[in-house]
Amino acid sequence: MDPLVPTAGSDAFPLAACGGGGSTGGADAANADLKVHALDALKFDKPEYTTHGGDIVIAYIDDGSLQHDLLIDGVNGFKLTVNGQGQTKASKVTLAAGTYTIYCDIPTHREAGMESKVIVTEPPPSSAGAPAPASGN
């Protein structure tokens, strides 16, 4: 299967990626924007995920006993590794709106089906620069 590339009007690729190798990078897994569960059946818990664009926190939870990695096609430097039951790792990443493929790169895992889509929507509007409310006078 051909990997999906970001699709947002033009050459929309991630702006930056942080973390890797299973580091939490200061990210809060409990309040992650996207939570992905790794299963020993060599699948993720969902075939497709949706999150907002911009700076997000991804949490990777191992629901089995095997080691699993989480990578995002087209996002260099992003990799989370979990090594067993209940282990959770989280990291921050910046993603532009588009469609991405996440996968496990442990030998034979991706080929066995450990691959899903992530649909990234436009970032939420920022309150910075928003016009001030009109006064009643």
N, C-alpha and C. Protein backbone atom coordinates (compact mmCIF):
# COMPACT_ATOMS: atom_id res chain seq x y z
N MET A 1 0.84 -1.16 0.00
CA MET A 1 0.00 0.00 0.00
C MET A 1 0.89 1.23 0.00
N ASP A 2 0.59 2.20 -0.84
CA ASP A 2 1.38 3.41 -0.88
C ASP A 2 1.07 4.26 0.34
N PRO A 3 2.10 4.85 0.94
CA PRO A 3 1.85 5.71 2.10
C PRO A 3 1.09 6.95 1.67
N LEU A 4 0.27 7.47 2.54
CA LEU A 4 -0.45 8.70 2.27
C LEU A 4 0.48 9.86 2.56
N VAL A 5 0.31 10.90 1.80
CA VAL A 5 1.08 12.11 2.05
C VAL A 5 0.11 13.18 2.48
N PRO A 6 0.60 14.19 3.19
CA PRO A 6 -0.30 15.26 3.61
C PRO A 6 -1.00 15.85 2.41
N THR A 7 -2.29 16.13 2.58
CA THR A 7 -3.07 16.69 1.48
C THR A 7 -3.81 17.91 1.96
N ALA A 8 -3.23 19.06 1.77
CA ALA A 8 -3.91 20.29 2.18
C ALA A 8 -3.60 21.38 1.19
N GLY A 9 -4.21 21.32 0.06
CA GLY A 9 -4.09 22.39 -0.90
C GLY A 9 -2.78 22.43 -1.66
N SER A 10 -1.67 22.40 -0.98
CA SER A 10 -0.38 22.48 -1.67
C SER A 10 0.60 21.53 -1.02
N ASP A 11 1.83 21.94 -0.89
CA ASP A 11 2.86 21.09 -0.30
C ASP A 11 2.80 21.18 1.22
N ALA A 12 1.69 20.80 1.79
CA ALA A 12 1.51 20.90 3.24
C ALA A 12 2.21 19.75 3.93
N PHE A 13 3.32 20.03 4.52
CA PHE A 13 4.05 19.03 5.29
C PHE A 13 4.21 19.54 6.71
N PRO A 14 4.48 18.64 7.63
CA PRO A 14 4.62 19.04 9.03
C PRO A 14 5.68 20.12 9.17
N LEU A 15 5.44 21.01 10.09
CA LEU A 15 6.37 22.10 10.29
C LEU A 15 7.55 21.69 11.15
N ALA A 16 7.30 20.82 12.13
CA ALA A 16 8.37 20.38 13.02
C ALA A 16 7.92 19.14 13.75
N ALA A 17 8.87 18.41 14.26
CA ALA A 17 8.56 17.25 15.09
C ALA A 17 9.54 17.23 16.25
N CYS A 18 9.05 16.84 17.40
CA CYS A 18 9.89 16.78 18.58
C CYS A 18 9.79 15.40 19.20
N GLY A 19 10.75 15.07 20.01
CA GLY A 19 10.69 13.81 20.73
C GLY A 19 11.19 12.68 19.87
N GLY A 20 11.07 11.47 20.37
CA GLY A 20 11.49 10.30 19.63
C GLY A 20 12.07 9.28 20.58
N GLY A 21 12.24 8.08 20.08
CA GLY A 21 12.83 7.03 20.88
C GLY A 21 12.07 6.73 22.15
N GLY A 22 10.82 7.13 22.20
CA GLY A 22 10.01 6.82 23.37
C GLY A 22 10.08 7.89 24.45
N SER A 23 10.75 8.98 24.21
CA SER A 23 10.86 10.04 25.19
C SER A 23 9.51 10.73 25.35
N THR A 24 9.20 11.11 26.58
CA THR A 24 7.96 11.84 26.78
C THR A 24 8.11 13.29 26.38
N GLY A 25 9.31 13.78 26.30
CA GLY A 25 9.54 15.15 25.83
C GLY A 25 8.73 16.19 26.60
N GLY A 26 8.37 15.89 27.84
CA GLY A 26 7.60 16.83 28.63
C GLY A 26 6.12 16.83 28.30
N ALA A 27 5.68 15.97 27.41
CA ALA A 27 4.29 15.92 27.00
C ALA A 27 3.44 15.21 28.04
N ASP A 28 2.21 15.65 28.19
CA ASP A 28 1.27 15.09 29.16
C ASP A 28 0.38 14.06 28.48
N ALA A 29 0.65 12.79 28.70
CA ALA A 29 -0.11 11.71 28.05
C ALA A 29 -1.57 11.72 28.46
N ALA A 30 -1.86 12.06 29.70
CA ALA A 30 -3.25 12.03 30.19
C ALA A 30 -4.12 13.02 29.44
N ASN A 31 -3.56 14.13 29.02
CA ASN A 31 -4.33 15.17 28.31
C ASN A 31 -3.95 15.26 26.84
N ALA A 32 -3.50 14.16 26.26
CA ALA A 32 -3.06 14.14 24.87
C ALA A 32 -4.21 14.47 23.92
N ASP A 33 -3.85 15.12 22.82
CA ASP A 33 -4.83 15.44 21.77
C ASP A 33 -5.22 14.19 20.98
N LEU A 34 -4.29 13.24 20.90
CA LEU A 34 -4.51 12.01 20.14
C LEU A 34 -3.95 10.85 20.95
N LYS A 35 -4.76 9.83 21.20
CA LYS A 35 -4.31 8.65 21.92
C LYS A 35 -4.42 7.45 20.99
N VAL A 36 -3.29 6.75 20.82
CA VAL A 36 -3.21 5.58 19.95
C VAL A 36 -2.83 4.38 20.81
N HIS A 37 -3.61 3.31 20.72
CA HIS A 37 -3.34 2.08 21.47
C HIS A 37 -2.74 1.04 20.54
N ALA A 38 -1.63 0.43 20.97
CA ALA A 38 -0.97 -0.65 20.23
C ALA A 38 -1.48 -1.98 20.75
N LEU A 39 -1.87 -2.86 19.85
CA LEU A 39 -2.40 -4.17 20.21
C LEU A 39 -1.46 -5.27 19.74
N ASP A 40 -1.37 -6.37 20.49
CA ASP A 40 -0.52 -7.48 20.08
C ASP A 40 -1.04 -8.20 18.84
N ALA A 41 -2.25 -7.91 18.42
CA ALA A 41 -2.79 -8.47 17.17
C ALA A 41 -2.18 -7.75 15.97
N LEU A 42 -1.15 -6.92 16.24
CA LEU A 42 -0.43 -6.15 15.22
C LEU A 42 -1.38 -5.19 14.50
N LYS A 43 -2.14 -4.48 15.31
CA LYS A 43 -3.05 -3.44 14.84
C LYS A 43 -3.05 -2.32 15.86
N PHE A 44 -3.54 -1.17 15.42
CA PHE A 44 -3.85 -0.10 16.34
C PHE A 44 -5.31 -0.25 16.73
N ASP A 45 -5.76 0.46 17.75
CA ASP A 45 -7.13 0.30 18.22
C ASP A 45 -8.17 0.86 17.26
N LYS A 46 -7.76 1.71 16.32
CA LYS A 46 -8.70 2.28 15.34
C LYS A 46 -8.05 2.28 13.95
N PRO A 47 -8.86 2.13 12.91
CA PRO A 47 -8.31 2.23 11.56
C PRO A 47 -8.06 3.68 11.13
N GLU A 48 -8.71 4.63 11.84
CA GLU A 48 -8.58 6.04 11.49
C GLU A 48 -8.79 6.90 12.73
N TYR A 49 -7.99 7.95 12.84
CA TYR A 49 -8.07 8.89 13.95
C TYR A 49 -8.25 10.29 13.37
N THR A 50 -8.79 11.20 14.18
CA THR A 50 -8.93 12.59 13.77
C THR A 50 -8.41 13.48 14.89
N THR A 51 -7.68 14.51 14.53
CA THR A 51 -7.19 15.49 15.50
C THR A 51 -7.07 16.83 14.79
N HIS A 52 -6.86 17.88 15.56
CA HIS A 52 -6.66 19.21 14.99
C HIS A 52 -5.20 19.40 14.61
N GLY A 53 -4.96 20.33 13.72
CA GLY A 53 -3.60 20.64 13.31
C GLY A 53 -2.92 21.58 14.28
N GLY A 54 -1.67 21.87 14.00
CA GLY A 54 -0.87 22.73 14.87
C GLY A 54 -0.07 21.89 15.84
N ASP A 55 0.22 22.43 16.99
CA ASP A 55 0.98 21.71 18.02
C ASP A 55 0.04 20.76 18.74
N ILE A 56 0.36 19.47 18.71
CA ILE A 56 -0.47 18.47 19.39
C ILE A 56 0.41 17.54 20.21
N VAL A 57 -0.22 16.85 21.16
CA VAL A 57 0.45 15.82 21.93
C VAL A 57 -0.15 14.49 21.53
N ILE A 58 0.71 13.55 21.17
CA ILE A 58 0.28 12.19 20.84
C ILE A 58 0.73 11.27 21.95
N ALA A 59 -0.21 10.48 22.49
CA ALA A 59 0.10 9.47 23.50
C ALA A 59 0.01 8.10 22.84
N TYR A 60 0.97 7.24 23.15
CA TYR A 60 1.03 5.89 22.59
C TYR A 60 0.97 4.92 23.76
N ILE A 61 -0.06 4.08 23.79
CA ILE A 61 -0.32 3.18 24.90
C ILE A 61 -0.19 1.74 24.43
N ASP A 62 0.61 0.95 25.12
CA ASP A 62 0.79 -0.47 24.76
C ASP A 62 -0.23 -1.30 25.54
N ASP A 63 -1.20 -1.86 24.82
CA ASP A 63 -2.23 -2.71 25.43
C ASP A 63 -1.87 -4.18 25.38
N GLY A 64 -0.66 -4.50 24.98
CA GLY A 64 -0.24 -5.90 24.89
C GLY A 64 1.09 -6.12 25.59
N SER A 65 1.79 -7.15 25.17
CA SER A 65 3.07 -7.48 25.80
C SER A 65 4.25 -7.32 24.84
N LEU A 66 3.98 -7.03 23.57
CA LEU A 66 5.05 -6.87 22.58
C LEU A 66 5.52 -5.42 22.51
N GLN A 67 6.75 -5.24 22.05
CA GLN A 67 7.26 -3.90 21.78
C GLN A 67 6.63 -3.38 20.50
N HIS A 68 6.28 -2.10 20.51
CA HIS A 68 5.73 -1.45 19.32
C HIS A 68 6.31 -0.05 19.21
N ASP A 69 6.44 0.43 17.98
CA ASP A 69 6.87 1.79 17.69
C ASP A 69 5.73 2.53 17.01
N LEU A 70 5.74 3.84 17.10
CA LEU A 70 4.77 4.67 16.39
C LEU A 70 5.54 5.72 15.62
N LEU A 71 5.37 5.71 14.31
CA LEU A 71 5.98 6.70 13.43
C LEU A 71 4.89 7.30 12.56
N ILE A 72 5.18 8.48 12.00
CA ILE A 72 4.26 9.15 11.10
C ILE A 72 4.98 9.35 9.78
N ASP A 73 4.42 8.79 8.70
CA ASP A 73 5.01 9.00 7.38
C ASP A 73 5.17 10.49 7.12
N GLY A 74 6.35 10.90 6.68
CA GLY A 74 6.60 12.28 6.33
C GLY A 74 7.00 13.18 7.48
N VAL A 75 7.09 12.63 8.70
CA VAL A 75 7.47 13.43 9.86
C VAL A 75 8.79 12.89 10.39
N ASN A 76 9.87 13.46 9.92
CA ASN A 76 11.20 13.01 10.35
C ASN A 76 11.41 13.31 11.82
N GLY A 77 12.00 12.37 12.53
CA GLY A 77 12.36 12.57 13.92
C GLY A 77 11.29 12.23 14.93
N PHE A 78 10.07 11.89 14.48
CA PHE A 78 9.02 11.52 15.43
C PHE A 78 8.96 10.00 15.54
N LYS A 79 9.17 9.49 16.76
CA LYS A 79 9.07 8.05 17.00
C LYS A 79 8.82 7.83 18.49
N LEU A 80 7.78 7.07 18.79
CA LEU A 80 7.50 6.66 20.16
C LEU A 80 7.64 5.15 20.23
N THR A 81 8.26 4.65 21.30
CA THR A 81 8.45 3.21 21.50
C THR A 81 7.87 2.82 22.85
N VAL A 82 7.03 1.78 22.84
CA VAL A 82 6.49 1.22 24.09
C VAL A 82 6.90 -0.24 24.16
N ASN A 83 7.16 -0.72 25.38
CA ASN A 83 7.75 -2.04 25.54
C ASN A 83 6.93 -3.04 26.33
N GLY A 84 5.68 -2.77 26.59
CA GLY A 84 4.91 -3.77 27.31
C GLY A 84 3.62 -3.24 27.90
N GLN A 85 2.89 -4.15 28.49
CA GLN A 85 1.56 -3.90 29.03
C GLN A 85 1.45 -2.59 29.81
N GLY A 86 0.60 -1.72 29.29
CA GLY A 86 0.29 -0.49 30.00
C GLY A 86 1.29 0.62 29.86
N GLN A 87 2.44 0.38 29.24
CA GLN A 87 3.43 1.45 29.11
C GLN A 87 2.88 2.52 28.17
N THR A 88 3.05 3.77 28.56
CA THR A 88 2.57 4.89 27.77
C THR A 88 3.71 5.87 27.56
N LYS A 89 3.84 6.36 26.34
CA LYS A 89 4.81 7.40 26.01
C LYS A 89 4.04 8.50 25.27
N ALA A 90 4.51 9.71 25.41
CA ALA A 90 3.85 10.84 24.73
C ALA A 90 4.90 11.81 24.24
N SER A 91 4.56 12.51 23.17
CA SER A 91 5.46 13.51 22.62
C SER A 91 4.65 14.56 21.88
N LYS A 92 5.23 15.76 21.80
CA LYS A 92 4.62 16.84 21.04
C LYS A 92 5.09 16.78 19.60
N VAL A 93 4.21 17.18 18.70
CA VAL A 93 4.54 17.26 17.28
C VAL A 93 3.69 18.36 16.67
N THR A 94 4.18 18.98 15.62
CA THR A 94 3.42 19.99 14.90
C THR A 94 3.01 19.39 13.55
N LEU A 95 1.70 19.36 13.30
CA LEU A 95 1.18 18.79 12.06
C LEU A 95 0.31 19.80 11.33
N ALA A 96 0.52 19.91 10.03
CA ALA A 96 -0.34 20.72 9.18
C ALA A 96 -1.59 19.90 8.85
N ALA A 97 -2.65 20.58 8.47
CA ALA A 97 -3.87 19.88 8.07
C ALA A 97 -3.56 18.95 6.90
N GLY A 98 -4.17 17.77 6.91
CA GLY A 98 -3.95 16.79 5.85
C GLY A 98 -4.21 15.39 6.36
N THR A 99 -3.83 14.41 5.57
CA THR A 99 -3.99 13.00 5.94
C THR A 99 -2.62 12.37 6.05
N TYR A 100 -2.39 11.69 7.15
CA TYR A 100 -1.11 11.05 7.43
C TYR A 100 -1.31 9.57 7.67
N THR A 101 -0.24 8.80 7.50
CA THR A 101 -0.25 7.39 7.85
C THR A 101 0.66 7.20 9.05
N ILE A 102 0.12 6.55 10.08
CA ILE A 102 0.93 6.14 11.23
C ILE A 102 1.18 4.65 11.10
N TYR A 103 2.31 4.20 11.64
CA TYR A 103 2.65 2.79 11.51
C TYR A 103 3.66 2.38 12.57
N CYS A 104 3.79 1.07 12.73
CA CYS A 104 4.81 0.48 13.58
C CYS A 104 5.92 -0.05 12.67
N ASP A 105 7.18 0.31 12.97
CA ASP A 105 8.28 -0.14 12.10
C ASP A 105 9.04 -1.34 12.65
N ILE A 106 8.50 -2.01 13.68
CA ILE A 106 9.10 -3.28 14.11
C ILE A 106 8.95 -4.25 12.93
N PRO A 107 10.01 -5.02 12.60
CA PRO A 107 9.91 -5.92 11.44
C PRO A 107 8.64 -6.78 11.45
N THR A 108 7.97 -6.79 10.35
CA THR A 108 6.72 -7.52 10.02
C THR A 108 5.46 -6.88 10.60
N HIS A 109 5.55 -5.94 11.52
CA HIS A 109 4.34 -5.37 12.12
C HIS A 109 3.52 -4.56 11.12
N ARG A 110 4.16 -3.65 10.38
CA ARG A 110 3.41 -2.84 9.41
C ARG A 110 2.83 -3.73 8.33
N GLU A 111 3.62 -4.67 7.86
CA GLU A 111 3.15 -5.58 6.79
C GLU A 111 1.97 -6.42 7.26
N ALA A 112 1.89 -6.69 8.55
CA ALA A 112 0.79 -7.48 9.10
C ALA A 112 -0.46 -6.63 9.34
N GLY A 113 -0.36 -5.32 9.15
CA GLY A 113 -1.53 -4.47 9.28
C GLY A 113 -1.45 -3.40 10.34
N MET A 114 -0.29 -3.19 10.93
CA MET A 114 -0.16 -2.19 11.98
C MET A 114 0.09 -0.83 11.35
N GLU A 115 -1.00 -0.29 10.79
CA GLU A 115 -0.97 0.97 10.05
C GLU A 115 -2.37 1.57 10.12
N SER A 116 -2.46 2.87 10.33
CA SER A 116 -3.74 3.56 10.37
C SER A 116 -3.58 4.95 9.78
N LYS A 117 -4.71 5.60 9.53
CA LYS A 117 -4.73 6.97 9.03
C LYS A 117 -4.97 7.94 10.18
N VAL A 118 -4.41 9.13 10.03
CA VAL A 118 -4.71 10.24 10.93
C VAL A 118 -5.16 11.41 10.05
N ILE A 119 -6.39 11.84 10.28
CA ILE A 119 -6.93 13.00 9.58
C ILE A 119 -6.69 14.20 10.47
N VAL A 120 -5.94 15.17 9.95
CA VAL A 120 -5.62 16.37 10.71
C VAL A 120 -6.41 17.53 10.12
N THR A 121 -7.26 18.13 10.95
CA THR A 121 -8.08 19.26 10.52
C THR A 121 -7.32 20.56 10.73
N GLU A 122 -7.90 21.65 10.29
CA GLU A 122 -7.27 22.95 10.49
C GLU A 122 -7.08 23.20 11.99
N PRO A 123 -6.02 23.91 12.36
CA PRO A 123 -5.80 24.21 13.78
C PRO A 123 -6.97 25.01 14.34
N PRO A 124 -7.23 24.88 15.64
CA PRO A 124 -8.30 25.69 16.23
C PRO A 124 -7.93 27.16 16.17
N PRO A 125 -8.94 28.04 16.07
CA PRO A 125 -8.62 29.47 16.01
C PRO A 125 -7.94 29.92 17.29
N SER A 126 -7.01 30.81 17.14
CA SER A 126 -6.27 31.35 18.29
C SER A 126 -6.99 32.59 18.80
N SER A 127 -6.98 32.77 20.11
CA SER A 127 -7.58 33.98 20.66
C SER A 127 -6.64 35.17 20.50
N ALA A 128 -5.36 34.90 20.22
CA ALA A 128 -4.40 35.98 20.01
C ALA A 128 -4.78 36.72 18.73
N GLY A 129 -4.82 38.00 18.80
CA GLY A 129 -5.12 38.82 17.63
C GLY A 129 -6.61 38.92 17.34
N ALA A 130 -7.44 38.31 18.17
CA ALA A 130 -8.87 38.42 17.96
C ALA A 130 -9.32 39.82 18.35
N PRO A 131 -10.31 40.35 17.62
CA PRO A 131 -10.76 41.70 17.96
C PRO A 131 -11.40 41.72 19.34
N ALA A 132 -11.20 42.82 20.03
CA ALA A 132 -11.80 42.98 21.36
C ALA A 132 -13.30 43.16 21.22
N PRO A 133 -14.07 42.65 22.18
CA PRO A 133 -15.51 42.84 22.10
C PRO A 133 -15.87 44.33 22.13
N ALA A 134 -16.92 44.70 21.42
CA ALA A 134 -17.36 46.11 21.37
C ALA A 134 -17.95 46.49 22.72
N SER A 135 -17.66 47.71 23.13
CA SER A 135 -18.22 48.18 24.41
C SER A 135 -19.65 48.65 24.18
N GLY A 136 -20.43 48.66 25.23
CA GLY A 136 -21.83 49.02 25.12
C GLY A 136 -22.05 50.53 25.16
N ASN A 137 -21.03 51.36 25.28
CA ASN A 137 -21.22 52.80 25.39
C ASN A 137 -21.14 53.45 24.06
